[in-house]
Amino acid sequence: MGNRTIKTAIGTAISILIAQQLGLMFYAAAGIITILCIQVTVKQSVRTALNRFLASLLGLGLGAAWFYLIGFTPLALLLTILVFMPIAVRVRIQEGFVTSMVVLMHLYAEERMDLALIANELALLTIGIGVALLVNLYMPSLEKELKAMQEKVEEHFSKILREYSHYLRFGDNEWDGRELIELTSLLDKAVKLASRDVENRLGRGDDTYRSYFVMREKQFELLERMMPIVSTLDAQVPQGLQIADFLERLSDSVHPGNTAYRYLDQLREMREEIQASPLPKTREEFETRAALFYLLREIENYLYIKHELGKNEGNSPASKKTAREP
């Protein structure tokens, strides 16, 4: 049984109990409003609660106007809905349509619009929305799940870089590329979970994990682009072995404790060494050298993405957990 289900059940019971104890008419509606307002994240619940409250006020106002003009008839409800929806969509509170109709139907059923009944409906709204917000303030921490996903992503990155290094040294191997396939789904789930974690924090939330996984998505795109380059490098040349050594060091450093800028410096030094080496003597060597330079550029972009994340996140304690990895 999920956390949201438990909170919905508790919130519904509390709302109905409060409304019933206060002697409100249609007290069960308070529970319905609570059910409608409990969302997946705290921020979503706050937005939903505000939209439903405003939509209910709009529905009450329009309904009261039509009831006054043409009486408590189905035609009045028809006109209220036809006018309500365009306005609600315009001001982006259309998700409160159901709540507003629940309140409006109470007026229609009673066929009156006195202050006591309107106060009753406002009390139902306040109780239903208020209880939903209170029970939804508790959200279990996602830190453990996010950390586990981070470790899994790093394991896959390390494996991919190691396999690229192995291919540059020895040519074809038996690697099936499973990590490349799994990372697509894993990163997508990680970004969504990290976004949910941010949405559970009122005010300015710590989005370190979300930034981290978005960064890894960008790096993953580069890893995918490196794959066809590496697979075409059949001819073993000294420069290819240099890059293989570099990728192996990189694969061993996909964890906290190493800074991306150091690897960028090493990469620039290696490029200068390769540029200073004798020119290729055959067409095959020339094509291989050109592919190696292109591979170096992709590796540089891969590192630069991580380096930029570290600069953008600054020196916050949370960012230090992840910003130092290459």
C-alpha atoms as a PDB file:
ATOM      1  CA  MET A   1       0.000   0.000   0.000  1.00  0.00           C
ATOM      2  CA  GLY A   2       1.499   3.295  -1.097  1.00  0.00           C
ATOM      3  CA  ASN A   3       2.204   6.317   1.055  1.00  0.00           C
ATOM      4  CA  ARG A   4      -0.277   8.432  -0.940  1.00  0.00           C
ATOM      5  CA  THR A   5      -3.058   5.884  -0.394  1.00  0.00           C
ATOM      6  CA  ILE A   6      -2.513   5.889   3.372  1.00  0.00           C
ATOM      7  CA  LYS A   7      -2.488   9.698   3.516  1.00  0.00           C
ATOM      8  CA  THR A   8      -5.637   9.887   1.391  1.00  0.00           C
ATOM      9  CA  ALA A   9      -7.465   7.493   3.694  1.00  0.00           C
ATOM     10  CA  ILE A  10      -6.383   9.321   6.857  1.00  0.00           C
ATOM     11  CA  GLY A  11      -7.059  12.776   5.406  1.00  0.00           C
ATOM     12  CA  THR A  12     -10.522  11.796   4.162  1.00  0.00           C
ATOM     13  CA  ALA A  13     -11.550  10.423   7.537  1.00  0.00           C
ATOM     14  CA  ILE A  14     -10.232  13.493   9.394  1.00  0.00           C
ATOM     15  CA  SER A  15     -11.987  15.929   7.042  1.00  0.00           C
ATOM     16  CA  ILE A  16     -15.347  14.189   7.356  1.00  0.00           C
ATOM     17  CA  LEU A  17     -14.944  13.916  11.137  1.00  0.00           C
ATOM     18  CA  ILE A  18     -14.233  17.638  11.530  1.00  0.00           C
ATOM     19  CA  ALA A  19     -17.066  18.683   9.219  1.00  0.00           C
ATOM     20  CA  GLN A  20     -19.455  16.294  10.970  1.00  0.00           C
ATOM     21  CA  GLN A  21     -18.485  17.517  14.438  1.00  0.00           C
ATOM     22  CA  LEU A  22     -19.033  21.112  13.321  1.00  0.00           C
ATOM     23  CA  GLY A  23     -22.528  20.193  12.191  1.00  0.00           C
ATOM     24  CA  LEU A  24     -21.958  21.180   8.573  1.00  0.00           C
ATOM     25  CA  MET A  25     -24.387  20.147   5.864  1.00  0.00           C
ATOM     26  CA  PHE A  26     -23.053  17.745   3.203  1.00  0.00           C
ATOM     27  CA  TYR A  27     -20.122  16.937   5.518  1.00  0.00           C
ATOM     28  CA  ALA A  28     -19.036  13.995   3.323  1.00  0.00           C
ATOM     29  CA  ALA A  29     -18.071  16.524   0.630  1.00  0.00           C
ATOM     30  CA  ALA A  30     -15.138  17.614   2.816  1.00  0.00           C
ATOM     31  CA  GLY A  31     -13.684  14.127   2.368  1.00  0.00           C
ATOM     32  CA  ILE A  32     -14.219  14.258  -1.396  1.00  0.00           C
ATOM     33  CA  ILE A  33     -12.373  17.577  -1.579  1.00  0.00           C
ATOM     34  CA  THR A  34      -9.471  16.118   0.427  1.00  0.00           C
ATOM     35  CA  ILE A  35      -9.248  13.150  -1.955  1.00  0.00           C
ATOM     36  CA  LEU A  36      -9.103  15.492  -4.942  1.00  0.00           C
ATOM     37  CA  CYS A  37      -6.385  17.695  -3.391  1.00  0.00           C
ATOM     38  CA  ILE A  38      -3.820  15.074  -2.309  1.00  0.00           C
ATOM     39  CA  GLN A  39      -1.156  14.878  -5.007  1.00  0.00           C
ATOM     40  CA  VAL A  40       2.162  13.117  -5.557  1.00  0.00           C
ATOM     41  CA  THR A  41       4.304  16.020  -4.292  1.00  0.00           C
ATOM     42  CA  VAL A  42       3.931  18.846  -1.789  1.00  0.00           C
ATOM     43  CA  LYS A  43       4.181  21.612  -4.383  1.00  0.00           C
ATOM     44  CA  GLN A  44       1.623  19.913  -6.611  1.00  0.00           C
ATOM     45  CA  SER A  45      -0.750  19.695  -3.643  1.00  0.00           C
ATOM     46  CA  VAL A  46      -0.332  23.403  -2.864  1.00  0.00           C
ATOM     47  CA  ARG A  47      -0.974  24.365  -6.505  1.00  0.00           C
ATOM     48  CA  THR A  48      -3.961  22.016  -6.735  1.00  0.00           C
ATOM     49  CA  ALA A  49      -5.449  23.294  -3.468  1.00  0.00           C
ATOM     50  CA  LEU A  50      -5.178  26.930  -4.555  1.00  0.00           C
ATOM     51  CA  ASN A  51      -6.619  26.204  -8.000  1.00  0.00           C
ATOM     52  CA  ARG A  52      -9.542  24.246  -6.579  1.00  0.00           C
ATOM     53  CA  PHE A  53     -10.354  26.961  -4.049  1.00  0.00           C
ATOM     54  CA  LEU A  54     -10.307  29.700  -6.685  1.00  0.00           C
ATOM     55  CA  ALA A  55     -12.307  27.531  -9.097  1.00  0.00           C
ATOM     56  CA  SER A  56     -14.915  26.903  -6.410  1.00  0.00           C
ATOM     57  CA  LEU A  57     -15.271  30.626  -5.748  1.00  0.00           C
ATOM     58  CA  LEU A  58     -15.657  31.204  -9.492  1.00  0.00           C
ATOM     59  CA  GLY A  59     -18.241  28.426  -9.755  1.00  0.00           C
ATOM     60  CA  LEU A  60     -20.181  29.766  -6.785  1.00  0.00           C
ATOM     61  CA  GLY A  61     -20.221  33.271  -8.224  1.00  0.00           C
ATOM     62  CA  LEU A  62     -21.350  32.214 -11.696  1.00  0.00           C
ATOM     63  CA  GLY A  63     -23.854  29.728 -10.361  1.00  0.00           C
ATOM     64  CA  ALA A  64     -25.367  32.262  -7.980  1.00  0.00           C
ATOM     65  CA  ALA A  65     -25.744  34.733 -10.837  1.00  0.00           C
ATOM     66  CA  TRP A  66     -27.566  32.278 -13.112  1.00  0.00           C
ATOM     67  CA  PHE A  67     -29.700  30.911 -10.273  1.00  0.00           C
ATOM     68  CA  TYR A  68     -30.758  34.459  -9.474  1.00  0.00           C
ATOM     69  CA  LEU A  69     -31.569  35.243 -13.119  1.00  0.00           C
ATOM     70  CA  ILE A  70     -33.383  32.101 -14.259  1.00  0.00           C
ATOM     71  CA  GLY A  71     -33.879  30.078 -11.092  1.00  0.00           C
ATOM     72  CA  PHE A  72     -32.654  26.663  -9.934  1.00  0.00           C
ATOM     73  CA  THR A  73     -33.044  24.849 -13.246  1.00  0.00           C
ATOM     74  CA  PRO A  74     -30.877  22.518 -15.354  1.00  0.00           C
ATOM     75  CA  LEU A  75     -30.531  25.391 -17.825  1.00  0.00           C
ATOM     76  CA  ALA A  76     -28.822  27.464 -15.132  1.00  0.00           C
ATOM     77  CA  LEU A  77     -26.297  24.642 -14.586  1.00  0.00           C
ATOM     78  CA  LEU A  78     -25.741  24.352 -18.338  1.00  0.00           C
ATOM     79  CA  LEU A  79     -25.009  28.060 -18.697  1.00  0.00           C
ATOM     80  CA  THR A  80     -22.806  28.087 -15.603  1.00  0.00           C
ATOM     81  CA  ILE A  81     -20.602  25.308 -16.979  1.00  0.00           C
ATOM     82  CA  LEU A  82     -20.446  26.858 -20.460  1.00  0.00           C
ATOM     83  CA  VAL A  83     -19.256  30.160 -19.001  1.00  0.00           C
ATOM     84  CA  PHE A  84     -17.081  28.616 -16.283  1.00  0.00           C
ATOM     85  CA  MET A  85     -14.811  26.468 -18.465  1.00  0.00           C
ATOM     86  CA  PRO A  86     -13.438  29.161 -20.826  1.00  0.00           C
ATOM     87  CA  ILE A  87     -12.703  31.455 -17.861  1.00  0.00           C
ATOM     88  CA  ALA A  88     -11.112  28.648 -15.829  1.00  0.00           C
ATOM     89  CA  VAL A  89      -8.909  27.594 -18.747  1.00  0.00           C
ATOM     90  CA  ARG A  90      -7.946  31.204 -19.346  1.00  0.00           C
ATOM     91  CA  VAL A  91      -6.710  31.644 -15.766  1.00  0.00           C
ATOM     92  CA  ARG A  92      -5.430  28.030 -15.572  1.00  0.00           C
ATOM     93  CA  ILE A  93      -7.628  26.766 -12.747  1.00  0.00           C
ATOM     94  CA  GLN A  94      -9.583  24.222 -14.806  1.00  0.00           C
ATOM     95  CA  GLU A  95      -8.417  21.345 -12.599  1.00  0.00           C
ATOM     96  CA  GLY A  96     -10.783  22.730  -9.939  1.00  0.00           C
ATOM     97  CA  PHE A  97     -13.841  22.076 -12.083  1.00  0.00           C
ATOM     98  CA  VAL A  98     -14.996  18.976 -10.182  1.00  0.00           C
ATOM     99  CA  THR A  99     -14.614  20.641  -6.780  1.00  0.00           C
ATOM    100  CA  SER A 100     -16.516  23.718  -7.915  1.00  0.00           C
ATOM    101  CA  MET A 101     -19.339  21.565  -9.259  1.00  0.00           C
ATOM    102  CA  VAL A 102     -19.579  19.631  -5.983  1.00  0.00           C
ATOM    103  CA  VAL A 103     -20.100  22.899  -4.111  1.00  0.00           C
ATOM    104  CA  LEU A 104     -22.472  24.279  -6.734  1.00  0.00           C
ATOM    105  CA  MET A 105     -24.668  21.167  -6.653  1.00  0.00           C
ATOM    106  CA  HIS A 106     -25.264  21.717  -2.958  1.00  0.00           C
ATOM    107  CA  LEU A 107     -26.816  25.101  -3.724  1.00  0.00           C
ATOM    108  CA  TYR A 108     -28.833  23.547  -6.522  1.00  0.00           C
ATOM    109  CA  ALA A 109     -30.091  20.736  -4.286  1.00  0.00           C
ATOM    110  CA  GLU A 110     -31.125  23.164  -1.542  1.00  0.00           C
ATOM    111  CA  GLU A 111     -32.528  25.705  -4.014  1.00  0.00           C
ATOM    112  CA  ARG A 112     -31.330  28.622  -1.925  1.00  0.00           C
ATOM    113  CA  MET A 113     -28.324  30.962  -1.740  1.00  0.00           C
ATOM    114  CA  ASP A 114     -28.425  32.443   1.762  1.00  0.00           C
ATOM    115  CA  LEU A 115     -25.305  33.374   3.691  1.00  0.00           C
ATOM    116  CA  ALA A 116     -25.577  30.342   5.980  1.00  0.00           C
ATOM    117  CA  LEU A 117     -25.416  27.897   3.065  1.00  0.00           C
ATOM    118  CA  ILE A 118     -22.577  29.765   1.360  1.00  0.00           C
ATOM    119  CA  ALA A 119     -20.672  29.847   4.674  1.00  0.00           C
ATOM    120  CA  ASN A 120     -21.272  26.088   4.949  1.00  0.00           C
ATOM    121  CA  GLU A 121     -19.734  25.504   1.517  1.00  0.00           C
ATOM    122  CA  LEU A 122     -16.734  27.716   2.260  1.00  0.00           C
ATOM    123  CA  ALA A 123     -16.191  25.794   5.498  1.00  0.00           C
ATOM    124  CA  LEU A 124     -16.279  22.485   3.603  1.00  0.00           C
ATOM    125  CA  LEU A 125     -13.696  23.831   1.159  1.00  0.00           C
ATOM    126  CA  THR A 126     -11.455  25.114   3.935  1.00  0.00           C
ATOM    127  CA  ILE A 127     -11.578  21.834   5.864  1.00  0.00           C
ATOM    128  CA  GLY A 128     -11.121  19.590   2.829  1.00  0.00           C
ATOM    129  CA  ILE A 129      -8.258  21.598   1.337  1.00  0.00           C
ATOM    130  CA  GLY A 130      -6.620  22.378   4.690  1.00  0.00           C
ATOM    131  CA  VAL A 131      -6.531  18.752   5.836  1.00  0.00           C
ATOM    132  CA  ALA A 132      -5.180  17.646   2.429  1.00  0.00           C
ATOM    133  CA  LEU A 133      -2.319  20.129   2.717  1.00  0.00           C
ATOM    134  CA  LEU A 134      -1.525  19.101   6.287  1.00  0.00           C
ATOM    135  CA  VAL A 135      -1.380  15.353   5.655  1.00  0.00           C
ATOM    136  CA  ASN A 136       0.591  15.892   2.460  1.00  0.00           C
ATOM    137  CA  LEU A 137       3.314  17.891   4.203  1.00  0.00           C
ATOM    138  CA  TYR A 138       4.878  14.581   5.178  1.00  0.00           C
ATOM    139  CA  MET A 139       6.830  13.074   2.337  1.00  0.00           C
ATOM    140  CA  PRO A 140       9.277  10.190   2.851  1.00  0.00           C
ATOM    141  CA  SER A 141      12.868  11.004   1.980  1.00  0.00           C
ATOM    142  CA  LEU A 142      14.030   9.884  -1.462  1.00  0.00           C
ATOM    143  CA  GLU A 143      17.702  10.281  -0.569  1.00  0.00           C
ATOM    144  CA  LYS A 144      18.341   6.526  -0.305  1.00  0.00           C
ATOM    145  CA  GLU A 145      16.751   5.757  -3.685  1.00  0.00           C
ATOM    146  CA  LEU A 146      18.517   8.658  -5.388  1.00  0.00           C
ATOM    147  CA  LYS A 147      21.884   7.634  -3.945  1.00  0.00           C
ATOM    148  CA  ALA A 148      21.375   4.048  -5.122  1.00  0.00           C
ATOM    149  CA  MET A 149      20.522   5.273  -8.630  1.00  0.00           C
ATOM    150  CA  GLN A 150      23.556   7.531  -8.623  1.00  0.00           C
ATOM    151  CA  GLU A 151      25.820   4.608  -7.754  1.00  0.00           C
ATOM    152  CA  LYS A 152      24.221   2.437 -10.445  1.00  0.00           C
ATOM    153  CA  VAL A 153      24.682   5.134 -13.068  1.00  0.00           C
ATOM    154  CA  GLU A 154      28.341   5.544 -12.100  1.00  0.00           C
ATOM    155  CA  GLU A 155      28.908   1.796 -12.320  1.00  0.00           C
ATOM    156  CA  HIS A 156      27.500   1.765 -15.852  1.00  0.00           C
ATOM    157  CA  PHE A 157      29.550   4.787 -16.910  1.00  0.00           C
ATOM    158  CA  SER A 158      32.703   3.195 -15.546  1.00  0.00           C
ATOM    159  CA  LYS A 159      31.963  -0.080 -17.364  1.00  0.00           C
ATOM    160  CA  ILE A 160      31.338   1.676 -20.690  1.00  0.00           C
ATOM    161  CA  LEU A 161      34.554   3.704 -20.493  1.00  0.00           C
ATOM    162  CA  ARG A 162      36.503   0.582 -19.560  1.00  0.00           C
ATOM    163  CA  GLU A 163      35.099  -1.315 -22.546  1.00  0.00           C
ATOM    164  CA  TYR A 164      36.005   1.549 -24.877  1.00  0.00           C
ATOM    165  CA  SER A 165      39.529   1.448 -23.494  1.00  0.00           C
ATOM    166  CA  HIS A 166      39.722  -2.322 -23.977  1.00  0.00           C
ATOM    167  CA  TYR A 167      38.591  -2.054 -27.599  1.00  0.00           C
ATOM    168  CA  LEU A 168      41.188   0.608 -28.408  1.00  0.00           C
ATOM    169  CA  ARG A 169      43.892  -1.696 -27.020  1.00  0.00           C
ATOM    170  CA  PHE A 170      42.882  -5.121 -28.234  1.00  0.00           C
ATOM    171  CA  GLY A 171      40.183  -4.661 -30.854  1.00  0.00           C
ATOM    172  CA  ASP A 172      36.830  -6.417 -30.728  1.00  0.00           C
ATOM    173  CA  ASN A 173      35.665  -8.117 -27.521  1.00  0.00           C
ATOM    174  CA  GLU A 174      32.596  -9.909 -26.223  1.00  0.00           C
ATOM    175  CA  TRP A 175      30.929  -6.893 -24.608  1.00  0.00           C
ATOM    176  CA  ASP A 176      27.201  -6.848 -25.434  1.00  0.00           C
ATOM    177  CA  GLY A 177      26.621  -3.145 -24.694  1.00  0.00           C
ATOM    178  CA  ARG A 178      24.000  -3.936 -22.045  1.00  0.00           C
ATOM    179  CA  GLU A 179      24.981  -0.902 -19.958  1.00  0.00           C
ATOM    180  CA  LEU A 180      24.230   1.463 -22.832  1.00  0.00           C
ATOM    181  CA  ILE A 181      20.710   0.059 -23.106  1.00  0.00           C
ATOM    182  CA  GLU A 182      20.034   0.070 -19.368  1.00  0.00           C
ATOM    183  CA  LEU A 183      21.285   3.626 -18.875  1.00  0.00           C
ATOM    184  CA  THR A 184      18.558   5.083 -21.085  1.00  0.00           C
ATOM    185  CA  SER A 185      15.805   3.840 -18.788  1.00  0.00           C
ATOM    186  CA  LEU A 186      17.796   4.326 -15.586  1.00  0.00           C
ATOM    187  CA  LEU A 187      18.580   7.989 -16.264  1.00  0.00           C
ATOM    188  CA  ASP A 188      15.000   8.724 -17.245  1.00  0.00           C
ATOM    189  CA  LYS A 189      13.716   7.260 -13.976  1.00  0.00           C
ATOM    190  CA  ALA A 190      16.424   9.035 -11.980  1.00  0.00           C
ATOM    191  CA  VAL A 191      15.599  12.463 -13.427  1.00  0.00           C
ATOM    192  CA  LYS A 192      11.887  11.983 -12.698  1.00  0.00           C
ATOM    193  CA  LEU A 193      12.576  10.825  -9.138  1.00  0.00           C
ATOM    194  CA  ALA A 194      14.947  13.737  -8.521  1.00  0.00           C
ATOM    195  CA  SER A 195      12.351  16.172  -9.877  1.00  0.00           C
ATOM    196  CA  ARG A 196       9.785  14.669  -7.522  1.00  0.00           C
ATOM    197  CA  ASP A 197      12.201  15.145  -4.640  1.00  0.00           C
ATOM    198  CA  VAL A 198      12.540  18.848  -5.501  1.00  0.00           C
ATOM    199  CA  GLU A 199       8.742  19.179  -5.750  1.00  0.00           C
ATOM    200  CA  ASN A 200       8.440  17.840  -2.203  1.00  0.00           C
ATOM    201  CA  ARG A 201      10.335  20.826  -0.810  1.00  0.00           C
ATOM    202  CA  LEU A 202       8.535  24.104  -0.212  1.00  0.00           C
ATOM    203  CA  GLY A 203      10.474  27.191  -1.223  1.00  0.00           C
ATOM    204  CA  ARG A 204      13.770  26.801  -3.040  1.00  0.00           C
ATOM    205  CA  GLY A 205      14.605  23.103  -2.943  1.00  0.00           C
ATOM    206  CA  ASP A 206      18.017  21.514  -3.239  1.00  0.00           C
ATOM    207  CA  ASP A 207      18.110  20.283  -6.840  1.00  0.00           C
ATOM    208  CA  THR A 208      21.612  18.803  -6.670  1.00  0.00           C
ATOM    209  CA  TYR A 209      20.477  15.327  -7.664  1.00  0.00           C
ATOM    210  CA  ARG A 210      18.296  16.573 -10.505  1.00  0.00           C
ATOM    211  CA  SER A 211      21.174  18.667 -11.890  1.00  0.00           C
ATOM    212  CA  TYR A 212      23.468  15.690 -11.494  1.00  0.00           C
ATOM    213  CA  PHE A 213      21.263  13.261 -13.419  1.00  0.00           C
ATOM    214  CA  VAL A 214      20.526  15.802 -16.148  1.00  0.00           C
ATOM    215  CA  MET A 215      24.280  16.246 -16.485  1.00  0.00           C
ATOM    216  CA  ARG A 216      24.725  12.474 -16.760  1.00  0.00           C
ATOM    217  CA  GLU A 217      22.065  12.373 -19.481  1.00  0.00           C
ATOM    218  CA  LYS A 218      24.100  14.858 -21.513  1.00  0.00           C
ATOM    219  CA  GLN A 219      27.271  12.857 -20.910  1.00  0.00           C
ATOM    220  CA  PHE A 220      25.493   9.672 -21.904  1.00  0.00           C
ATOM    221  CA  GLU A 221      24.616  11.193 -25.270  1.00  0.00           C
ATOM    222  CA  LEU A 222      28.338  11.730 -25.814  1.00  0.00           C
ATOM    223  CA  LEU A 223      29.139   8.173 -24.773  1.00  0.00           C
ATOM    224  CA  GLU A 224      26.673   6.955 -27.374  1.00  0.00           C
ATOM    225  CA  ARG A 225      28.308   9.152 -30.002  1.00  0.00           C
ATOM    226  CA  MET A 226      31.734   7.764 -29.076  1.00  0.00           C
ATOM    227  CA  MET A 227      30.592   4.185 -29.666  1.00  0.00           C
ATOM    228  CA  PRO A 228      30.695   4.188 -33.513  1.00  0.00           C
ATOM    229  CA  ILE A 229      33.999   6.080 -33.478  1.00  0.00           C
ATOM    230  CA  VAL A 230      35.666   3.550 -31.187  1.00  0.00           C
ATOM    231  CA  SER A 231      34.244   0.583 -33.102  1.00  0.00           C
ATOM    232  CA  THR A 232      35.798   1.769 -36.386  1.00  0.00           C
ATOM    233  CA  LEU A 233      39.332   2.070 -34.990  1.00  0.00           C
ATOM    234  CA  ASP A 234      40.690  -1.303 -36.063  1.00  0.00           C
ATOM    235  CA  ALA A 235      44.254  -0.244 -36.674  1.00  0.00           C
ATOM    236  CA  GLN A 236      46.216  -0.071 -33.444  1.00  0.00           C
ATOM    237  CA  VAL A 237      48.383   3.047 -33.330  1.00  0.00           C
ATOM    238  CA  PRO A 238      50.402   4.509 -30.435  1.00  0.00           C
ATOM    239  CA  GLN A 239      48.017   7.443 -30.155  1.00  0.00           C
ATOM    240  CA  GLY A 240      45.089   5.046 -29.769  1.00  0.00           C
ATOM    241  CA  LEU A 241      46.873   3.332 -26.907  1.00  0.00           C
ATOM    242  CA  GLN A 242      47.388   6.698 -25.228  1.00  0.00           C
ATOM    243  CA  ILE A 243      43.683   7.406 -25.397  1.00  0.00           C
ATOM    244  CA  ALA A 244      42.970   3.874 -24.135  1.00  0.00           C
ATOM    245  CA  ASP A 245      45.136   4.541 -21.078  1.00  0.00           C
ATOM    246  CA  PHE A 246      43.323   7.827 -20.502  1.00  0.00           C
ATOM    247  CA  LEU A 247      39.868   6.205 -20.752  1.00  0.00           C
ATOM    248  CA  GLU A 248      40.925   3.514 -18.312  1.00  0.00           C
ATOM    249  CA  ARG A 249      41.990   6.134 -15.781  1.00  0.00           C
ATOM    250  CA  LEU A 250      38.716   7.920 -16.399  1.00  0.00           C
ATOM    251  CA  SER A 251      36.710   4.733 -15.836  1.00  0.00           C
ATOM    252  CA  ASP A 252      38.405   4.244 -12.470  1.00  0.00           C
ATOM    253  CA  SER A 253      37.524   7.784 -11.417  1.00  0.00           C
ATOM    254  CA  VAL A 254      33.762   7.933 -11.874  1.00  0.00           C
ATOM    255  CA  HIS A 255      33.318   8.584  -8.171  1.00  0.00           C
ATOM    256  CA  PRO A 256      33.916  11.419  -5.677  1.00  0.00           C
ATOM    257  CA  GLY A 257      37.496  12.474  -5.130  1.00  0.00           C
ATOM    258  CA  ASN A 258      38.640  13.578  -8.604  1.00  0.00           C
ATOM    259  CA  THR A 259      38.081  16.886 -10.334  1.00  0.00           C
ATOM    260  CA  ALA A 260      37.087  17.083 -13.999  1.00  0.00           C
ATOM    261  CA  TYR A 261      39.396  20.019 -14.673  1.00  0.00           C
ATOM    262  CA  ARG A 262      42.455  17.864 -13.927  1.00  0.00           C
ATOM    263  CA  TYR A 263      41.390  15.403 -16.608  1.00  0.00           C
ATOM    264  CA  LEU A 264      40.764  18.276 -18.995  1.00  0.00           C
ATOM    265  CA  ASP A 265      44.339  19.431 -18.416  1.00  0.00           C
ATOM    266  CA  GLN A 266      45.641  15.903 -19.038  1.00  0.00           C
ATOM    267  CA  LEU A 267      43.563  15.684 -22.191  1.00  0.00           C
ATOM    268  CA  ARG A 268      44.979  18.930 -23.577  1.00  0.00           C
ATOM    269  CA  GLU A 269      48.519  17.752 -22.867  1.00  0.00           C
ATOM    270  CA  MET A 270      47.822  14.468 -24.646  1.00  0.00           C
ATOM    271  CA  ARG A 271      46.372  16.291 -27.659  1.00  0.00           C
ATOM    272  CA  GLU A 272      49.490  18.457 -27.884  1.00  0.00           C
ATOM    273  CA  GLU A 273      51.692  15.341 -27.758  1.00  0.00           C
ATOM    274  CA  ILE A 274      49.683  13.684 -30.528  1.00  0.00           C
ATOM    275  CA  GLN A 275      49.843  16.824 -32.659  1.00  0.00           C
ATOM    276  CA  ALA A 276      53.627  16.922 -32.217  1.00  0.00           C
ATOM    277  CA  SER A 277      54.038  13.277 -33.297  1.00  0.00           C
ATOM    278  CA  PRO A 278      55.171  12.422 -36.891  1.00  0.00           C
ATOM    279  CA  LEU A 279      52.568  12.777 -39.611  1.00  0.00           C
ATOM    280  CA  PRO A 280      50.711   9.636 -40.786  1.00  0.00           C
ATOM    281  CA  LYS A 281      52.453   7.809 -43.658  1.00  0.00           C
ATOM    282  CA  THR A 282      49.470   5.889 -45.044  1.00  0.00           C
ATOM    283  CA  ARG A 283      45.856   6.691 -45.748  1.00  0.00           C
ATOM    284  CA  GLU A 284      44.765   4.181 -43.115  1.00  0.00           C
ATOM    285  CA  GLU A 285      46.936   5.886 -40.488  1.00  0.00           C
ATOM    286  CA  PHE A 286      45.575   9.283 -41.534  1.00  0.00           C
ATOM    287  CA  GLU A 287      41.941   8.159 -41.185  1.00  0.00           C
ATOM    288  CA  THR A 288      42.708   6.551 -37.853  1.00  0.00           C
ATOM    289  CA  ARG A 289      44.440   9.706 -36.597  1.00  0.00           C
ATOM    290  CA  ALA A 290      41.484  11.851 -37.696  1.00  0.00           C
ATOM    291  CA  ALA A 291      39.034   9.540 -35.884  1.00  0.00           C
ATOM    292  CA  LEU A 292      41.196   9.687 -32.757  1.00  0.00           C
ATOM    293  CA  PHE A 293      41.152  13.490 -32.767  1.00  0.00           C
ATOM    294  CA  TYR A 294      37.377  13.435 -33.136  1.00  0.00           C
ATOM    295  CA  LEU A 295      37.183  10.999 -30.230  1.00  0.00           C
ATOM    296  CA  LEU A 296      39.357  13.330 -28.152  1.00  0.00           C
ATOM    297  CA  ARG A 297      36.957  16.175 -28.829  1.00  0.00           C
ATOM    298  CA  GLU A 298      33.988  14.090 -27.666  1.00  0.00           C
ATOM    299  CA  ILE A 299      35.864  13.080 -24.505  1.00  0.00           C
ATOM    300  CA  GLU A 300      36.680  16.738 -23.878  1.00  0.00           C
ATOM    301  CA  ASN A 301      32.996  17.653 -24.218  1.00  0.00           C
ATOM    302  CA  TYR A 302      32.141  14.801 -21.841  1.00  0.00           C
ATOM    303  CA  LEU A 303      34.488  16.213 -19.187  1.00  0.00           C
ATOM    304  CA  TYR A 304      33.530  19.814 -19.820  1.00  0.00           C
ATOM    305  CA  ILE A 305      29.873  19.083 -19.026  1.00  0.00           C
ATOM    306  CA  LYS A 306      30.860  17.811 -15.571  1.00  0.00           C
ATOM    307  CA  HIS A 307      33.272  20.682 -15.051  1.00  0.00           C
ATOM    308  CA  GLU A 308      30.504  23.214 -15.807  1.00  0.00           C
ATOM    309  CA  LEU A 309      28.139  21.535 -13.338  1.00  0.00           C
ATOM    310  CA  GLY A 310      30.734  21.940 -10.586  1.00  0.00           C
ATOM    311  CA  LYS A 311      31.106  25.645 -11.358  1.00  0.00           C
ATOM    312  CA  ASN A 312      27.360  26.288 -11.525  1.00  0.00           C
ATOM    313  CA  GLU A 313      26.566  24.506  -8.277  1.00  0.00           C
ATOM    314  CA  GLY A 314      29.170  26.415  -6.347  1.00  0.00           C
ATOM    315  CA  ASN A 315      30.410  25.281  -2.968  1.00  0.00           C
ATOM    316  CA  SER A 316      27.216  24.043  -1.331  1.00  0.00           C
ATOM    317  CA  PRO A 317      27.661  20.945   0.847  1.00  0.00           C
ATOM    318  CA  ALA A 318      25.262  18.945  -1.302  1.00  0.00           C
ATOM    319  CA  SER A 319      27.058  19.791  -4.513  1.00  0.00           C
ATOM    320  CA  LYS A 320      30.413  18.626  -3.182  1.00  0.00           C
ATOM    321  CA  LYS A 321      29.062  15.062  -3.067  1.00  0.00           C
ATOM    322  CA  THR A 322      28.738  14.868  -6.809  1.00  0.00           C
ATOM    323  CA  ALA A 323      30.440  17.808  -8.473  1.00  0.00           C
ATOM    324  CA  ARG A 324      33.945  16.414  -8.011  1.00  0.00           C
ATOM    325  CA  GLU A 325      33.454  13.327 -10.132  1.00  0.00           C
ATOM    326  CA  PRO A 326      34.629  13.266 -13.759  1.00  0.00           C
END
